[in-house]
């Protein structure tokens, strides 16, 4: 499946982070946000609070070892700053996934509008269903490698 834009662009504006520590979703998110490169108009406190508020409503684990933490509302003011940060966890953790599998990789989505938000969530949910993508992501690719994969498959 060739993934459509804006997926590649969103991942390109994000970054890839390795060995994120934490024994709970809250700890993982706090630790990830501490090191993330954020759009200029966002504070770490605001992003962390928005992500944790969303998790308190319903866990963002989607199964197959993935979670897609995201605020309930758009948080980025400029669409050009919308992004997905890929975080590989130090160790898999329980994230209350529908399939019961622990989460190893998270995609933190920061969006600027509702349409883009739904589009990127849908694209991520779709691509993680593909066995080839899951095998690829298990190798913990860099941001550049991931964008190249998404653009060519």
C-alpha atoms as a PDB file:
ATOM      1  CA  UNK A   1       0.000   0.000   0.000  1.00  0.00           C
ATOM      2  CA  UNK A   2       1.432   3.353  -0.957  1.00  0.00           C
ATOM      3  CA  UNK A   3       0.759   5.645   1.950  1.00  0.00           C
ATOM      4  CA  UNK A   4      -0.633   8.991   0.943  1.00  0.00           C
ATOM      5  CA  UNK A   5       0.514  12.436   1.933  1.00  0.00           C
ATOM      6  CA  UNK A   6       0.503  13.922   4.565  1.00  0.00           C
ATOM      7  CA  UNK A   7       1.989  10.859   6.241  1.00  0.00           C
ATOM      8  CA  UNK A   8       5.542  11.195   4.943  1.00  0.00           C
ATOM      9  CA  UNK A   9       5.553  14.932   5.540  1.00  0.00           C
ATOM     10  CA  UNK A  10       4.289  14.537   9.099  1.00  0.00           C
ATOM     11  CA  UNK A  11       6.970  11.959   9.929  1.00  0.00           C
ATOM     12  CA  UNK A  12       9.625  14.086   8.243  1.00  0.00           C
ATOM     13  CA  UNK A  13       8.698  17.048  10.476  1.00  0.00           C
ATOM     14  CA  UNK A  14       8.858  14.791  13.512  1.00  0.00           C
ATOM     15  CA  UNK A  15      11.840  12.840  14.718  1.00  0.00           C
ATOM     16  CA  UNK A  16      12.743   9.340  15.834  1.00  0.00           C
ATOM     17  CA  UNK A  17      13.612   8.717  19.473  1.00  0.00           C
ATOM     18  CA  UNK A  18      15.166   5.591  20.933  1.00  0.00           C
ATOM     19  CA  UNK A  19      15.109   3.804  24.292  1.00  0.00           C
ATOM     20  CA  UNK A  20      12.296   5.809  25.871  1.00  0.00           C
ATOM     21  CA  UNK A  21      12.041   4.749  29.485  1.00  0.00           C
ATOM     22  CA  UNK A  22       8.894   4.196  31.504  1.00  0.00           C
ATOM     23  CA  UNK A  23       6.811   1.501  33.149  1.00  0.00           C
ATOM     24  CA  UNK A  24       3.461   3.128  32.377  1.00  0.00           C
ATOM     25  CA  UNK A  25       2.006   5.135  29.508  1.00  0.00           C
ATOM     26  CA  UNK A  26       2.214   8.295  31.636  1.00  0.00           C
ATOM     27  CA  UNK A  27       5.913   7.783  32.380  1.00  0.00           C
ATOM     28  CA  UNK A  28       6.688   6.996  28.746  1.00  0.00           C
ATOM     29  CA  UNK A  29       4.863  10.096  27.516  1.00  0.00           C
ATOM     30  CA  UNK A  30       6.505  12.355  30.086  1.00  0.00           C
ATOM     31  CA  UNK A  31       9.948  11.021  29.165  1.00  0.00           C
ATOM     32  CA  UNK A  32       9.304  11.249  25.427  1.00  0.00           C
ATOM     33  CA  UNK A  33       8.050  14.832  25.565  1.00  0.00           C
ATOM     34  CA  UNK A  34      11.104  15.850  27.627  1.00  0.00           C
ATOM     35  CA  UNK A  35      13.360  15.116  24.656  1.00  0.00           C
ATOM     36  CA  UNK A  36      11.075  15.816  21.697  1.00  0.00           C
ATOM     37  CA  UNK A  37      11.713  18.682  19.330  1.00  0.00           C
ATOM     38  CA  UNK A  38       8.434  20.608  19.557  1.00  0.00           C
ATOM     39  CA  UNK A  39       6.880  23.293  17.369  1.00  0.00           C
ATOM     40  CA  UNK A  40       7.997  26.723  18.599  1.00  0.00           C
ATOM     41  CA  UNK A  41       4.626  27.686  20.064  1.00  0.00           C
ATOM     42  CA  UNK A  42       4.235  24.634  22.323  1.00  0.00           C
ATOM     43  CA  UNK A  43       5.573  24.010  25.786  1.00  0.00           C
ATOM     44  CA  UNK A  44       6.537  20.594  27.082  1.00  0.00           C
ATOM     45  CA  UNK A  45       4.045  21.034  29.907  1.00  0.00           C
ATOM     46  CA  UNK A  46       1.164  21.764  27.528  1.00  0.00           C
ATOM     47  CA  UNK A  47       1.963  18.797  25.279  1.00  0.00           C
ATOM     48  CA  UNK A  48       2.375  16.404  28.208  1.00  0.00           C
ATOM     49  CA  UNK A  49      -0.869  17.590  29.802  1.00  0.00           C
ATOM     50  CA  UNK A  50      -2.782  17.241  26.510  1.00  0.00           C
ATOM     51  CA  UNK A  51      -1.441  13.731  25.883  1.00  0.00           C
ATOM     52  CA  UNK A  52      -2.168  12.564  29.431  1.00  0.00           C
ATOM     53  CA  UNK A  53      -5.671  14.066  29.326  1.00  0.00           C
ATOM     54  CA  UNK A  54      -6.409  12.058  26.171  1.00  0.00           C
ATOM     55  CA  UNK A  55      -5.013   8.861  27.697  1.00  0.00           C
ATOM     56  CA  UNK A  56      -7.258   9.343  30.744  1.00  0.00           C
ATOM     57  CA  UNK A  57     -10.322   9.222  28.470  1.00  0.00           C
ATOM     58  CA  UNK A  58      -9.277   6.091  26.601  1.00  0.00           C
ATOM     59  CA  UNK A  59      -5.884   4.458  26.007  1.00  0.00           C
ATOM     60  CA  UNK A  60      -4.406   5.165  22.583  1.00  0.00           C
ATOM     61  CA  UNK A  61      -2.930   1.685  22.095  1.00  0.00           C
ATOM     62  CA  UNK A  62      -4.167   0.321  18.774  1.00  0.00           C
ATOM     63  CA  UNK A  63      -2.781  -3.206  19.024  1.00  0.00           C
ATOM     64  CA  UNK A  64       0.078  -5.146  17.450  1.00  0.00           C
ATOM     65  CA  UNK A  65       2.553  -3.402  19.778  1.00  0.00           C
ATOM     66  CA  UNK A  66       1.663   0.180  18.815  1.00  0.00           C
ATOM     67  CA  UNK A  67       0.082   3.213  20.475  1.00  0.00           C
ATOM     68  CA  UNK A  68      -0.748   6.553  18.871  1.00  0.00           C
ATOM     69  CA  UNK A  69      -0.838   9.137  21.663  1.00  0.00           C
ATOM     70  CA  UNK A  70      -2.423  12.394  20.575  1.00  0.00           C
ATOM     71  CA  UNK A  71      -4.279  15.295  22.150  1.00  0.00           C
ATOM     72  CA  UNK A  72      -8.071  15.289  21.849  1.00  0.00           C
ATOM     73  CA  UNK A  73      -7.953  18.673  20.154  1.00  0.00           C
ATOM     74  CA  UNK A  74      -5.567  20.238  17.676  1.00  0.00           C
ATOM     75  CA  UNK A  75      -2.630  21.655  19.560  1.00  0.00           C
ATOM     76  CA  UNK A  76      -0.360  23.024  16.829  1.00  0.00           C
ATOM     77  CA  UNK A  77      -1.171  26.519  15.550  1.00  0.00           C
ATOM     78  CA  UNK A  78       0.532  26.250  12.134  1.00  0.00           C
ATOM     79  CA  UNK A  79      -0.310  23.328   9.838  1.00  0.00           C
ATOM     80  CA  UNK A  80       3.306  23.311   8.623  1.00  0.00           C
ATOM     81  CA  UNK A  81       4.319  22.262  12.160  1.00  0.00           C
ATOM     82  CA  UNK A  82       1.977  19.246  12.378  1.00  0.00           C
ATOM     83  CA  UNK A  83       4.115  16.193  13.085  1.00  0.00           C
ATOM     84  CA  UNK A  84       4.483  12.592  14.155  1.00  0.00           C
ATOM     85  CA  UNK A  85       7.288  11.648  16.537  1.00  0.00           C
ATOM     86  CA  UNK A  86       8.249   7.979  16.530  1.00  0.00           C
ATOM     87  CA  UNK A  87       9.371   6.648  19.895  1.00  0.00           C
ATOM     88  CA  UNK A  88      10.877   3.218  20.399  1.00  0.00           C
ATOM     89  CA  UNK A  89      10.475   2.160  24.011  1.00  0.00           C
ATOM     90  CA  UNK A  90      13.314   0.751  26.112  1.00  0.00           C
ATOM     91  CA  UNK A  91      11.023  -2.158  26.948  1.00  0.00           C
ATOM     92  CA  UNK A  92       7.469  -3.087  25.999  1.00  0.00           C
ATOM     93  CA  UNK A  93       4.766  -1.990  28.440  1.00  0.00           C
ATOM     94  CA  UNK A  94       1.101  -2.648  29.061  1.00  0.00           C
ATOM     95  CA  UNK A  95      -0.920   0.143  27.430  1.00  0.00           C
ATOM     96  CA  UNK A  96      -4.344  -1.534  27.660  1.00  0.00           C
ATOM     97  CA  UNK A  97      -4.256  -2.464  23.975  1.00  0.00           C
ATOM     98  CA  UNK A  98      -7.389  -4.053  22.520  1.00  0.00           C
ATOM     99  CA  UNK A  99      -5.406  -7.193  21.612  1.00  0.00           C
ATOM    100  CA  UNK A 100      -3.656  -7.320  25.002  1.00  0.00           C
ATOM    101  CA  UNK A 101      -0.183  -7.051  23.459  1.00  0.00           C
ATOM    102  CA  UNK A 102       2.326  -4.747  25.137  1.00  0.00           C
ATOM    103  CA  UNK A 103       3.347  -1.580  23.301  1.00  0.00           C
ATOM    104  CA  UNK A 104       6.874  -1.261  21.939  1.00  0.00           C
ATOM    105  CA  UNK A 105       6.522   1.688  19.553  1.00  0.00           C
ATOM    106  CA  UNK A 106       4.501   4.867  19.850  1.00  0.00           C
ATOM    107  CA  UNK A 107       3.640   7.501  17.267  1.00  0.00           C
ATOM    108  CA  UNK A 108       2.977  10.835  18.993  1.00  0.00           C
ATOM    109  CA  UNK A 109       0.709  12.897  16.745  1.00  0.00           C
ATOM    110  CA  UNK A 110       0.544  16.686  17.084  1.00  0.00           C
ATOM    111  CA  UNK A 111      -1.941  18.198  14.655  1.00  0.00           C
ATOM    112  CA  UNK A 112      -3.173  21.616  13.591  1.00  0.00           C
ATOM    113  CA  UNK A 113      -6.667  20.765  12.355  1.00  0.00           C
ATOM    114  CA  UNK A 114      -9.330  18.102  12.624  1.00  0.00           C
ATOM    115  CA  UNK A 115      -9.086  16.847   9.030  1.00  0.00           C
ATOM    116  CA  UNK A 116      -5.328  16.399   9.159  1.00  0.00           C
ATOM    117  CA  UNK A 117      -5.617  14.790  12.575  1.00  0.00           C
ATOM    118  CA  UNK A 118      -8.084  12.165  11.358  1.00  0.00           C
ATOM    119  CA  UNK A 119      -6.116  11.584   8.168  1.00  0.00           C
ATOM    120  CA  UNK A 120      -2.833  10.832   9.919  1.00  0.00           C
ATOM    121  CA  UNK A 121      -4.478   8.652  12.581  1.00  0.00           C
ATOM    122  CA  UNK A 122      -6.183   6.666   9.826  1.00  0.00           C
ATOM    123  CA  UNK A 123      -2.950   6.316   7.840  1.00  0.00           C
ATOM    124  CA  UNK A 124      -1.053   5.054  10.892  1.00  0.00           C
ATOM    125  CA  UNK A 125      -3.818   2.623  11.855  1.00  0.00           C
ATOM    126  CA  UNK A 126      -3.780   1.277   8.309  1.00  0.00           C
ATOM    127  CA  UNK A 127      -0.026   0.892   7.857  1.00  0.00           C
ATOM    128  CA  UNK A 128       0.506  -0.949  11.170  1.00  0.00           C
ATOM    129  CA  UNK A 129      -1.870  -3.651   9.927  1.00  0.00           C
ATOM    130  CA  UNK A 130       0.658  -4.572   7.241  1.00  0.00           C
ATOM    131  CA  UNK A 131       3.023  -7.380   8.191  1.00  0.00           C
ATOM    132  CA  UNK A 132       5.789  -5.904   6.040  1.00  0.00           C
ATOM    133  CA  UNK A 133       5.574  -2.598   7.887  1.00  0.00           C
ATOM    134  CA  UNK A 134       5.637  -4.324  11.273  1.00  0.00           C
ATOM    135  CA  UNK A 135       8.749  -6.260  10.262  1.00  0.00           C
ATOM    136  CA  UNK A 136      10.344  -3.049   9.003  1.00  0.00           C
ATOM    137  CA  UNK A 137       9.529  -1.047  12.140  1.00  0.00           C
ATOM    138  CA  UNK A 138      10.842  -3.837  14.393  1.00  0.00           C
ATOM    139  CA  UNK A 139      14.301  -2.876  13.114  1.00  0.00           C
ATOM    140  CA  UNK A 140      13.817   0.589  14.658  1.00  0.00           C
ATOM    141  CA  UNK A 141      14.441   2.592  11.491  1.00  0.00           C
ATOM    142  CA  UNK A 142      15.513   6.208  11.518  1.00  0.00           C
ATOM    143  CA  UNK A 143      13.142   8.973  10.503  1.00  0.00           C
ATOM    144  CA  UNK A 144      14.674   9.110   7.018  1.00  0.00           C
ATOM    145  CA  UNK A 145      14.383   5.347   6.546  1.00  0.00           C
ATOM    146  CA  UNK A 146      10.782   5.414   7.754  1.00  0.00           C
ATOM    147  CA  UNK A 147       9.773   8.234   5.417  1.00  0.00           C
ATOM    148  CA  UNK A 148      11.445   6.444   2.505  1.00  0.00           C
ATOM    149  CA  UNK A 149       9.578   3.250   3.353  1.00  0.00           C
ATOM    150  CA  UNK A 150       6.236   5.053   3.577  1.00  0.00           C
ATOM    151  CA  UNK A 151       6.785   6.818   0.274  1.00  0.00           C
ATOM    152  CA  UNK A 152       7.737   3.609  -1.547  1.00  0.00           C
ATOM    153  CA  UNK A 153       5.224   1.094  -0.177  1.00  0.00           C
END
